[in-house]
Amino acid sequence: MDEVEVVVAHSERATLRVGDVFLKVDADQGRIDVEVEAMSRAPVPTPKVLWRKPPVLAIAALPGAPLGRLGGASTGPSSGSSAAWAAAGAAIRTLHEAPPPPWPGRAGRSSVALTSELDAECELLVTRGLLPADLVTRNRRVAQAALRPWSPAFTHGDLQIAHVFVEGDEVTGIIDWSEAGQGDPLYDLATFTLGHEERLDDVLAGYGHGHGHDADIDLDLDVIRAWWALRSLLAVRWLIEHGFDPFAPGCEVDVLKSRM
């Protein structure tokens, strides 16, 4: 009998692996609805949906391995070659050029809402002693560049490198689409390269200048850096409260320190 592997588990959702099947358990059926619909629309490889019985979604495992993980050095095939990172950039571009779904995603929150959330979170980080005030203040200034108008694209919304699978130098699939929808394409690029700034050139080489209806996406590096700061500021307290460690080498706190 195959063993049950707990891939991730916290109060909002859990993902289990049994052999070649992943079981996603989510109390919010809206997220599962988005995930299934987004995968059906995405013009990039995604896992096959095997069955669905709320609150569980069963999907098939993808070939290959995650391109990498946030924090620390990867080893083996999951470390990813420059060509693999470029291939991921090309896949992201294909997604961003597709007609966006009719609903807003995580990358599509308004500047007004984000500003309010960010200011409140920065205050909590300081008043609760989670991060030094100067670190928060500096990164809040950097994050401001992300709070600007953008043209909506089909965004993944949680495009961590662990969600992109590769085999050799080819992308075999992208997982975890529950935050997908219309949004800022630079949010996806920033999420994907968070903690791996040295790979940004490879990703952008693959991403290129495009040729579809979003061929004019402005690849503003200051905005990508701003999203690194903004995403990290919003993540630190949540990660701590849900049993993760944003202070681990190469993770969110190191990303914030790099902006200093």
C-alpha atoms as a PDB file:
ATOM      1  CA  MET A   1       0.000   0.000   0.000  1.00  0.00           C
ATOM      2  CA  ASP A   2       1.253   3.492  -0.842  1.00  0.00           C
ATOM      3  CA  GLU A   3       2.117   5.726   2.069  1.00  0.00           C
ATOM      4  CA  VAL A   4       0.199   8.943   2.680  1.00  0.00           C
ATOM      5  CA  GLU A   5       2.488  11.963   2.359  1.00  0.00           C
ATOM      6  CA  VAL A   6       1.379  15.280   3.836  1.00  0.00           C
ATOM      7  CA  VAL A   7       2.541  17.834   1.274  1.00  0.00           C
ATOM      8  CA  VAL A   8       1.143  20.883   3.060  1.00  0.00           C
ATOM      9  CA  ALA A   9      -1.344  21.318   5.871  1.00  0.00           C
ATOM     10  CA  HIS A  10      -2.681  24.312   7.757  1.00  0.00           C
ATOM     11  CA  SER A  11      -6.037  25.603   8.989  1.00  0.00           C
ATOM     12  CA  GLU A  12      -7.236  26.665   5.518  1.00  0.00           C
ATOM     13  CA  ARG A  13      -6.366  23.639   3.396  1.00  0.00           C
ATOM     14  CA  ALA A  14      -4.320  20.463   3.163  1.00  0.00           C
ATOM     15  CA  THR A  15      -2.747  18.517   0.307  1.00  0.00           C
ATOM     16  CA  LEU A  16      -1.959  14.805   0.588  1.00  0.00           C
ATOM     17  CA  ARG A  17      -0.155  12.517  -1.837  1.00  0.00           C
ATOM     18  CA  VAL A  18      -0.977   8.835  -2.202  1.00  0.00           C
ATOM     19  CA  GLY A  19       1.113   7.264  -4.949  1.00  0.00           C
ATOM     20  CA  ASP A  20       0.484   9.201  -8.146  1.00  0.00           C
ATOM     21  CA  VAL A  21      -2.622  10.966  -6.814  1.00  0.00           C
ATOM     22  CA  PHE A  22      -2.784  14.281  -4.968  1.00  0.00           C
ATOM     23  CA  LEU A  23      -5.794  14.921  -2.729  1.00  0.00           C
ATOM     24  CA  LYS A  24      -6.542  18.580  -2.037  1.00  0.00           C
ATOM     25  CA  VAL A  25      -8.858  19.256   0.894  1.00  0.00           C
ATOM     26  CA  ASP A  26     -10.223  22.791   1.115  1.00  0.00           C
ATOM     27  CA  ALA A  27     -13.028  24.126   3.285  1.00  0.00           C
ATOM     28  CA  ASP A  28     -13.583  26.951   0.788  1.00  0.00           C
ATOM     29  CA  GLN A  29     -15.257  25.392  -2.249  1.00  0.00           C
ATOM     30  CA  GLY A  30     -14.871  28.688  -4.097  1.00  0.00           C
ATOM     31  CA  ARG A  31     -11.121  28.117  -4.266  1.00  0.00           C
ATOM     32  CA  ILE A  32     -11.604  24.628  -5.680  1.00  0.00           C
ATOM     33  CA  ASP A  33     -14.103  25.983  -8.231  1.00  0.00           C
ATOM     34  CA  VAL A  34     -11.529  28.553  -9.360  1.00  0.00           C
ATOM     35  CA  GLU A  35      -8.773  25.958  -9.536  1.00  0.00           C
ATOM     36  CA  VAL A  36     -10.730  23.554 -11.737  1.00  0.00           C
ATOM     37  CA  GLU A  37     -12.012  26.292 -14.050  1.00  0.00           C
ATOM     38  CA  ALA A  38      -8.627  28.002 -14.323  1.00  0.00           C
ATOM     39  CA  MET A  39      -6.878  24.750 -15.245  1.00  0.00           C
ATOM     40  CA  SER A  40      -9.450  24.133 -17.969  1.00  0.00           C
ATOM     41  CA  ARG A  41      -8.750  27.600 -19.440  1.00  0.00           C
ATOM     42  CA  ALA A  42      -4.966  27.781 -19.022  1.00  0.00           C
ATOM     43  CA  PRO A  43      -2.960  27.329 -22.262  1.00  0.00           C
ATOM     44  CA  VAL A  44      -0.098  25.651 -20.379  1.00  0.00           C
ATOM     45  CA  PRO A  45       0.282  22.079 -19.035  1.00  0.00           C
ATOM     46  CA  THR A  46      -1.736  21.459 -15.856  1.00  0.00           C
ATOM     47  CA  PRO A  47      -2.514  18.354 -13.771  1.00  0.00           C
ATOM     48  CA  LYS A  48      -5.342  16.078 -14.883  1.00  0.00           C
ATOM     49  CA  VAL A  49      -8.429  16.268 -12.673  1.00  0.00           C
ATOM     50  CA  LEU A  50      -9.283  12.679 -11.678  1.00  0.00           C
ATOM     51  CA  TRP A  51     -12.400  13.291  -9.624  1.00  0.00           C
ATOM     52  CA  ARG A  52     -14.001  15.805  -7.325  1.00  0.00           C
ATOM     53  CA  LYS A  53     -16.152  15.201  -4.256  1.00  0.00           C
ATOM     54  CA  PRO A  54     -16.349  18.268  -1.986  1.00  0.00           C
ATOM     55  CA  PRO A  55     -14.339  19.098  -0.027  1.00  0.00           C
ATOM     56  CA  VAL A  56     -11.768  16.940  -1.895  1.00  0.00           C
ATOM     57  CA  LEU A  57     -10.230  17.406  -5.339  1.00  0.00           C
ATOM     58  CA  ALA A  58      -8.137  14.544  -6.738  1.00  0.00           C
ATOM     59  CA  ILE A  59      -5.528  15.334  -9.386  1.00  0.00           C
ATOM     60  CA  ALA A  60      -2.853  13.259 -11.089  1.00  0.00           C
ATOM     61  CA  ALA A  61       0.823  13.758 -10.325  1.00  0.00           C
ATOM     62  CA  LEU A  62       2.886  15.545 -12.958  1.00  0.00           C
ATOM     63  CA  PRO A  63       6.050  14.084 -14.482  1.00  0.00           C
ATOM     64  CA  GLY A  64       9.324  15.694 -13.486  1.00  0.00           C
ATOM     65  CA  ALA A  65      10.074  17.653 -10.331  1.00  0.00           C
ATOM     66  CA  PRO A  66       9.516  21.178  -8.991  1.00  0.00           C
ATOM     67  CA  LEU A  67      11.916  23.683 -10.528  1.00  0.00           C
ATOM     68  CA  GLY A  68      13.058  24.668  -7.039  1.00  0.00           C
ATOM     69  CA  ARG A  69      11.912  25.832  -3.619  1.00  0.00           C
ATOM     70  CA  LEU A  70      12.086  29.074  -1.721  1.00  0.00           C
ATOM     71  CA  GLY A  71      14.959  29.139   0.744  1.00  0.00           C
ATOM     72  CA  GLY A  72      18.262  27.318   0.751  1.00  0.00           C
ATOM     73  CA  ALA A  73      20.079  25.679  -2.133  1.00  0.00           C
ATOM     74  CA  SER A  74      18.353  23.063  -4.242  1.00  0.00           C
ATOM     75  CA  THR A  75      20.174  19.922  -5.318  1.00  0.00           C
ATOM     76  CA  GLY A  76      19.657  17.495  -8.165  1.00  0.00           C
ATOM     77  CA  PRO A  77      17.290  18.027 -11.077  1.00  0.00           C
ATOM     78  CA  SER A  78      14.985  20.332  -9.123  1.00  0.00           C
ATOM     79  CA  SER A  79      17.725  23.006  -8.999  1.00  0.00           C
ATOM     80  CA  GLY A  80      16.890  23.818 -12.622  1.00  0.00           C
ATOM     81  CA  SER A  81      19.191  24.839 -15.466  1.00  0.00           C
ATOM     82  CA  SER A  82      19.175  28.283 -17.056  1.00  0.00           C
ATOM     83  CA  ALA A  83      17.302  26.719 -19.971  1.00  0.00           C
ATOM     84  CA  ALA A  84      14.652  25.336 -17.598  1.00  0.00           C
ATOM     85  CA  TRP A  85      14.143  28.757 -16.001  1.00  0.00           C
ATOM     86  CA  ALA A  86      13.855  30.298 -19.473  1.00  0.00           C
ATOM     87  CA  ALA A  87      11.324  27.628 -20.462  1.00  0.00           C
ATOM     88  CA  ALA A  88       9.314  28.538 -17.387  1.00  0.00           C
ATOM     89  CA  GLY A  89       9.470  32.192 -18.442  1.00  0.00           C
ATOM     90  CA  ALA A  90       8.121  31.249 -21.867  1.00  0.00           C
ATOM     91  CA  ALA A  91       5.269  29.259 -20.287  1.00  0.00           C
ATOM     92  CA  ILE A  92       4.374  32.219 -18.061  1.00  0.00           C
ATOM     93  CA  ARG A  93       4.285  34.467 -21.126  1.00  0.00           C
ATOM     94  CA  THR A  94       1.935  32.031 -22.870  1.00  0.00           C
ATOM     95  CA  LEU A  95      -0.380  32.211 -19.864  1.00  0.00           C
ATOM     96  CA  HIS A  96      -0.281  36.003 -19.694  1.00  0.00           C
ATOM     97  CA  GLU A  97      -1.107  36.336 -23.389  1.00  0.00           C
ATOM     98  CA  ALA A  98      -4.208  34.134 -23.147  1.00  0.00           C
ATOM     99  CA  PRO A  99      -7.660  35.737 -22.777  1.00  0.00           C
ATOM    100  CA  PRO A 100      -8.052  36.370 -19.035  1.00  0.00           C
ATOM    101  CA  PRO A 101     -10.894  34.671 -17.139  1.00  0.00           C
ATOM    102  CA  PRO A 102     -13.846  36.864 -16.140  1.00  0.00           C
ATOM    103  CA  TRP A 103     -13.048  36.917 -12.429  1.00  0.00           C
ATOM    104  CA  PRO A 104     -10.309  38.824 -10.521  1.00  0.00           C
ATOM    105  CA  GLY A 105      -7.504  36.751  -9.015  1.00  0.00           C
ATOM    106  CA  ARG A 106      -5.095  37.282  -6.146  1.00  0.00           C
ATOM    107  CA  ALA A 107      -2.852  39.269  -8.473  1.00  0.00           C
ATOM    108  CA  GLY A 108      -5.803  41.501  -9.335  1.00  0.00           C
ATOM    109  CA  ARG A 109      -6.486  43.192  -6.027  1.00  0.00           C
ATOM    110  CA  SER A 110      -7.022  46.932  -6.377  1.00  0.00           C
ATOM    111  CA  SER A 111      -4.317  49.407  -5.427  1.00  0.00           C
ATOM    112  CA  VAL A 112      -6.656  50.922  -2.844  1.00  0.00           C
ATOM    113  CA  ALA A 113      -7.297  47.575  -1.163  1.00  0.00           C
ATOM    114  CA  LEU A 114      -3.634  46.592  -1.288  1.00  0.00           C
ATOM    115  CA  THR A 115      -2.501  49.920   0.161  1.00  0.00           C
ATOM    116  CA  SER A 116      -4.898  49.546   3.083  1.00  0.00           C
ATOM    117  CA  GLU A 117      -3.875  45.926   3.703  1.00  0.00           C
ATOM    118  CA  LEU A 118      -0.178  46.710   3.403  1.00  0.00           C
ATOM    119  CA  ASP A 119      -0.255  49.687   5.767  1.00  0.00           C
ATOM    120  CA  ALA A 120      -2.169  47.698   8.381  1.00  0.00           C
ATOM    121  CA  GLU A 121       0.216  44.755   8.051  1.00  0.00           C
ATOM    122  CA  CYS A 122       3.314  46.945   8.332  1.00  0.00           C
ATOM    123  CA  GLU A 123       1.957  48.450  11.550  1.00  0.00           C
ATOM    124  CA  LEU A 124       1.341  44.969  13.000  1.00  0.00           C
ATOM    125  CA  LEU A 125       4.806  43.760  12.042  1.00  0.00           C
ATOM    126  CA  VAL A 126       6.339  46.622  14.023  1.00  0.00           C
ATOM    127  CA  THR A 127       3.961  46.817  17.004  1.00  0.00           C
ATOM    128  CA  ARG A 128       4.174  43.058  17.579  1.00  0.00           C
ATOM    129  CA  GLY A 129       7.954  43.117  17.308  1.00  0.00           C
ATOM    130  CA  LEU A 130       8.081  40.680  14.406  1.00  0.00           C
ATOM    131  CA  LEU A 131      10.401  42.835  12.277  1.00  0.00           C
ATOM    132  CA  PRO A 132      12.560  45.929  12.921  1.00  0.00           C
ATOM    133  CA  ALA A 133      10.861  49.218  12.100  1.00  0.00           C
ATOM    134  CA  ASP A 134      13.585  50.369   9.694  1.00  0.00           C
ATOM    135  CA  LEU A 135      13.332  47.133   7.696  1.00  0.00           C
ATOM    136  CA  VAL A 136       9.565  47.520   7.399  1.00  0.00           C
ATOM    137  CA  THR A 137       9.720  51.231   6.555  1.00  0.00           C
ATOM    138  CA  ARG A 138      12.322  50.765   3.838  1.00  0.00           C
ATOM    139  CA  ASN A 139      10.444  47.915   2.185  1.00  0.00           C
ATOM    140  CA  ARG A 140       7.139  49.758   2.428  1.00  0.00           C
ATOM    141  CA  ARG A 141       8.728  52.530   0.349  1.00  0.00           C
ATOM    142  CA  VAL A 142      10.042  49.999  -2.178  1.00  0.00           C
ATOM    143  CA  ALA A 143       6.623  48.304  -2.361  1.00  0.00           C
ATOM    144  CA  GLN A 144       4.920  51.534  -3.389  1.00  0.00           C
ATOM    145  CA  ALA A 145       6.051  51.082  -7.015  1.00  0.00           C
ATOM    146  CA  ALA A 146       3.792  48.029  -7.361  1.00  0.00           C
ATOM    147  CA  LEU A 147       0.701  50.090  -6.496  1.00  0.00           C
ATOM    148  CA  ARG A 148       0.140  51.490  -9.964  1.00  0.00           C
ATOM    149  CA  PRO A 149      -2.328  50.936 -12.841  1.00  0.00           C
ATOM    150  CA  TRP A 150      -1.836  47.757 -14.874  1.00  0.00           C
ATOM    151  CA  SER A 151      -3.536  45.989 -17.763  1.00  0.00           C
ATOM    152  CA  PRO A 152      -5.230  42.747 -16.651  1.00  0.00           C
ATOM    153  CA  ALA A 153      -3.750  39.446 -17.816  1.00  0.00           C
ATOM    154  CA  PHE A 154      -4.464  35.766 -17.118  1.00  0.00           C
ATOM    155  CA  THR A 155      -2.448  35.332 -13.915  1.00  0.00           C
ATOM    156  CA  HIS A 156      -1.744  32.273 -11.783  1.00  0.00           C
ATOM    157  CA  GLY A 157      -1.743  34.292  -8.552  1.00  0.00           C
ATOM    158  CA  ASP A 158       0.506  31.959  -6.526  1.00  0.00           C
ATOM    159  CA  LEU A 159       3.281  31.130  -8.975  1.00  0.00           C
ATOM    160  CA  GLN A 160       5.915  29.905  -6.543  1.00  0.00           C
ATOM    161  CA  ILE A 161       8.797  27.999  -8.131  1.00  0.00           C
ATOM    162  CA  ALA A 162       7.631  24.858  -6.301  1.00  0.00           C
ATOM    163  CA  HIS A 163       4.426  25.037  -8.367  1.00  0.00           C
ATOM    164  CA  VAL A 164       6.253  24.753 -11.706  1.00  0.00           C
ATOM    165  CA  PHE A 165       7.358  21.223 -12.668  1.00  0.00           C
ATOM    166  CA  VAL A 166      10.121  20.515 -15.162  1.00  0.00           C
ATOM    167  CA  GLU A 167      11.729  17.484 -16.721  1.00  0.00           C
ATOM    168  CA  GLY A 168      15.129  18.301 -18.167  1.00  0.00           C
ATOM    169  CA  ASP A 169      14.731  21.743 -19.701  1.00  0.00           C
ATOM    170  CA  GLU A 170      10.995  21.504 -20.395  1.00  0.00           C
ATOM    171  CA  VAL A 171       8.000  22.539 -18.306  1.00  0.00           C
ATOM    172  CA  THR A 172       5.744  19.540 -17.658  1.00  0.00           C
ATOM    173  CA  GLY A 173       3.049  21.357 -15.717  1.00  0.00           C
ATOM    174  CA  ILE A 174       1.971  24.076 -13.311  1.00  0.00           C
ATOM    175  CA  ILE A 175      -0.038  23.288 -10.164  1.00  0.00           C
ATOM    176  CA  ASP A 176      -2.142  25.111  -7.523  1.00  0.00           C
ATOM    177  CA  TRP A 177      -4.463  27.424  -9.476  1.00  0.00           C
ATOM    178  CA  SER A 178      -6.847  28.425  -6.666  1.00  0.00           C
ATOM    179  CA  GLU A 179      -5.688  32.082  -6.748  1.00  0.00           C
ATOM    180  CA  ALA A 180      -5.851  32.424 -10.558  1.00  0.00           C
ATOM    181  CA  GLY A 181      -7.769  35.120 -12.414  1.00  0.00           C
ATOM    182  CA  GLN A 182      -7.322  38.556 -13.909  1.00  0.00           C
ATOM    183  CA  GLY A 183      -4.334  40.337 -12.450  1.00  0.00           C
ATOM    184  CA  ASP A 184      -1.018  42.120 -12.799  1.00  0.00           C
ATOM    185  CA  PRO A 185       1.381  39.927 -14.819  1.00  0.00           C
ATOM    186  CA  LEU A 186       4.398  41.342 -12.967  1.00  0.00           C
ATOM    187  CA  TYR A 187       2.977  39.900  -9.751  1.00  0.00           C
ATOM    188  CA  ASP A 188       3.391  36.410 -11.233  1.00  0.00           C
ATOM    189  CA  LEU A 189       6.945  37.127 -12.376  1.00  0.00           C
ATOM    190  CA  ALA A 190       7.859  38.494  -8.957  1.00  0.00           C
ATOM    191  CA  THR A 191       6.303  35.561  -7.108  1.00  0.00           C
ATOM    192  CA  PHE A 192       8.117  33.111  -9.359  1.00  0.00           C
ATOM    193  CA  THR A 193      11.528  34.722  -8.801  1.00  0.00           C
ATOM    194  CA  LEU A 194      11.062  35.596  -5.110  1.00  0.00           C
ATOM    195  CA  GLY A 195      14.272  34.673  -3.308  1.00  0.00           C
ATOM    196  CA  HIS A 196      15.929  33.789  -6.620  1.00  0.00           C
ATOM    197  CA  GLU A 197      16.817  37.213  -7.969  1.00  0.00           C
ATOM    198  CA  GLU A 198      19.836  35.715  -9.732  1.00  0.00           C
ATOM    199  CA  ARG A 199      17.433  33.786 -12.013  1.00  0.00           C
ATOM    200  CA  LEU A 200      15.414  36.802 -13.141  1.00  0.00           C
ATOM    201  CA  ASP A 201      17.482  37.331 -16.313  1.00  0.00           C
ATOM    202  CA  ASP A 202      16.924  33.687 -17.352  1.00  0.00           C
ATOM    203  CA  VAL A 203      13.177  33.977 -16.752  1.00  0.00           C
ATOM    204  CA  LEU A 204      12.879  37.248 -18.666  1.00  0.00           C
ATOM    205  CA  ALA A 205      14.931  35.828 -21.538  1.00  0.00           C
ATOM    206  CA  GLY A 206      12.299  33.127 -21.933  1.00  0.00           C
ATOM    207  CA  TYR A 207       9.420  35.504 -21.255  1.00  0.00           C
ATOM    208  CA  GLY A 208      10.582  37.785 -24.074  1.00  0.00           C
ATOM    209  CA  HIS A 209       8.503  40.517 -25.647  1.00  0.00           C
ATOM    210  CA  GLY A 210       5.563  38.391 -26.713  1.00  0.00           C
ATOM    211  CA  HIS A 211       3.368  38.575 -29.774  1.00  0.00           C
ATOM    212  CA  GLY A 212      -0.244  38.320 -28.576  1.00  0.00           C
ATOM    213  CA  HIS A 213      -2.747  40.873 -27.328  1.00  0.00           C
ATOM    214  CA  ASP A 214      -0.493  41.584 -24.310  1.00  0.00           C
ATOM    215  CA  ALA A 215       2.727  41.981 -26.292  1.00  0.00           C
ATOM    216  CA  ASP A 216       3.155  45.422 -24.752  1.00  0.00           C
ATOM    217  CA  ILE A 217       3.535  44.201 -21.134  1.00  0.00           C
ATOM    218  CA  ASP A 218       5.941  46.632 -19.482  1.00  0.00           C
ATOM    219  CA  LEU A 219       8.694  44.599 -17.838  1.00  0.00           C
ATOM    220  CA  ASP A 220       9.551  47.222 -15.247  1.00  0.00           C
ATOM    221  CA  LEU A 221      12.230  45.732 -12.972  1.00  0.00           C
ATOM    222  CA  ASP A 222      11.479  48.264 -10.228  1.00  0.00           C
ATOM    223  CA  VAL A 223       7.900  46.997 -10.124  1.00  0.00           C
ATOM    224  CA  ILE A 224       9.057  43.378  -9.912  1.00  0.00           C
ATOM    225  CA  ARG A 225      11.329  44.343  -6.997  1.00  0.00           C
ATOM    226  CA  ALA A 226       8.417  46.211  -5.442  1.00  0.00           C
ATOM    227  CA  TRP A 227       6.281  43.066  -5.599  1.00  0.00           C
ATOM    228  CA  TRP A 228       9.083  41.114  -3.894  1.00  0.00           C
ATOM    229  CA  ALA A 229       8.914  43.570  -1.007  1.00  0.00           C
ATOM    230  CA  LEU A 230       5.122  43.801  -0.939  1.00  0.00           C
ATOM    231  CA  ARG A 231       4.507  40.049  -1.080  1.00  0.00           C
ATOM    232  CA  SER A 232       7.088  39.415   1.636  1.00  0.00           C
ATOM    233  CA  LEU A 233       5.670  42.078   3.954  1.00  0.00           C
ATOM    234  CA  LEU A 234       2.179  40.606   3.612  1.00  0.00           C
ATOM    235  CA  ALA A 235       3.403  37.026   4.094  1.00  0.00           C
ATOM    236  CA  VAL A 236       5.614  37.166   7.198  1.00  0.00           C
ATOM    237  CA  ARG A 237       2.947  37.254   9.929  1.00  0.00           C
ATOM    238  CA  TRP A 238       0.684  34.718   8.140  1.00  0.00           C
ATOM    239  CA  LEU A 239       3.591  32.296   7.742  1.00  0.00           C
ATOM    240  CA  ILE A 240       4.546  32.558  11.407  1.00  0.00           C
ATOM    241  CA  GLU A 241       0.948  32.034  12.543  1.00  0.00           C
ATOM    242  CA  HIS A 242       0.545  28.969  10.308  1.00  0.00           C
ATOM    243  CA  GLY A 243       3.696  27.156  11.367  1.00  0.00           C
ATOM    244  CA  PHE A 244       6.088  28.222   8.590  1.00  0.00           C
ATOM    245  CA  ASP A 245       9.433  29.991   8.985  1.00  0.00           C
ATOM    246  CA  PRO A 246       9.907  33.191   6.949  1.00  0.00           C
ATOM    247  CA  PHE A 247      13.249  33.705   8.747  1.00  0.00           C
ATOM    248  CA  ALA A 248      14.809  30.601   7.157  1.00  0.00           C
ATOM    249  CA  PRO A 249      17.780  31.332   4.866  1.00  0.00           C
ATOM    250  CA  GLY A 250      16.678  32.681   1.503  1.00  0.00           C
ATOM    251  CA  CYS A 251      13.056  33.150   2.546  1.00  0.00           C
ATOM    252  CA  GLU A 252      10.859  36.227   2.973  1.00  0.00           C
ATOM    253  CA  VAL A 253      12.838  38.032   5.683  1.00  0.00           C
ATOM    254  CA  ASP A 254      16.061  37.636   3.698  1.00  0.00           C
ATOM    255  CA  VAL A 255      14.221  39.017   0.666  1.00  0.00           C
ATOM    256  CA  LEU A 256      13.251  42.067   2.708  1.00  0.00           C
ATOM    257  CA  LYS A 257      16.820  42.495   3.973  1.00  0.00           C
ATOM    258  CA  SER A 258      18.134  42.377   0.403  1.00  0.00           C
ATOM    259  CA  ARG A 259      16.113  45.499  -0.399  1.00  0.00           C
ATOM    260  CA  MET A 260      18.134  47.366   2.268  1.00  0.00           C
END
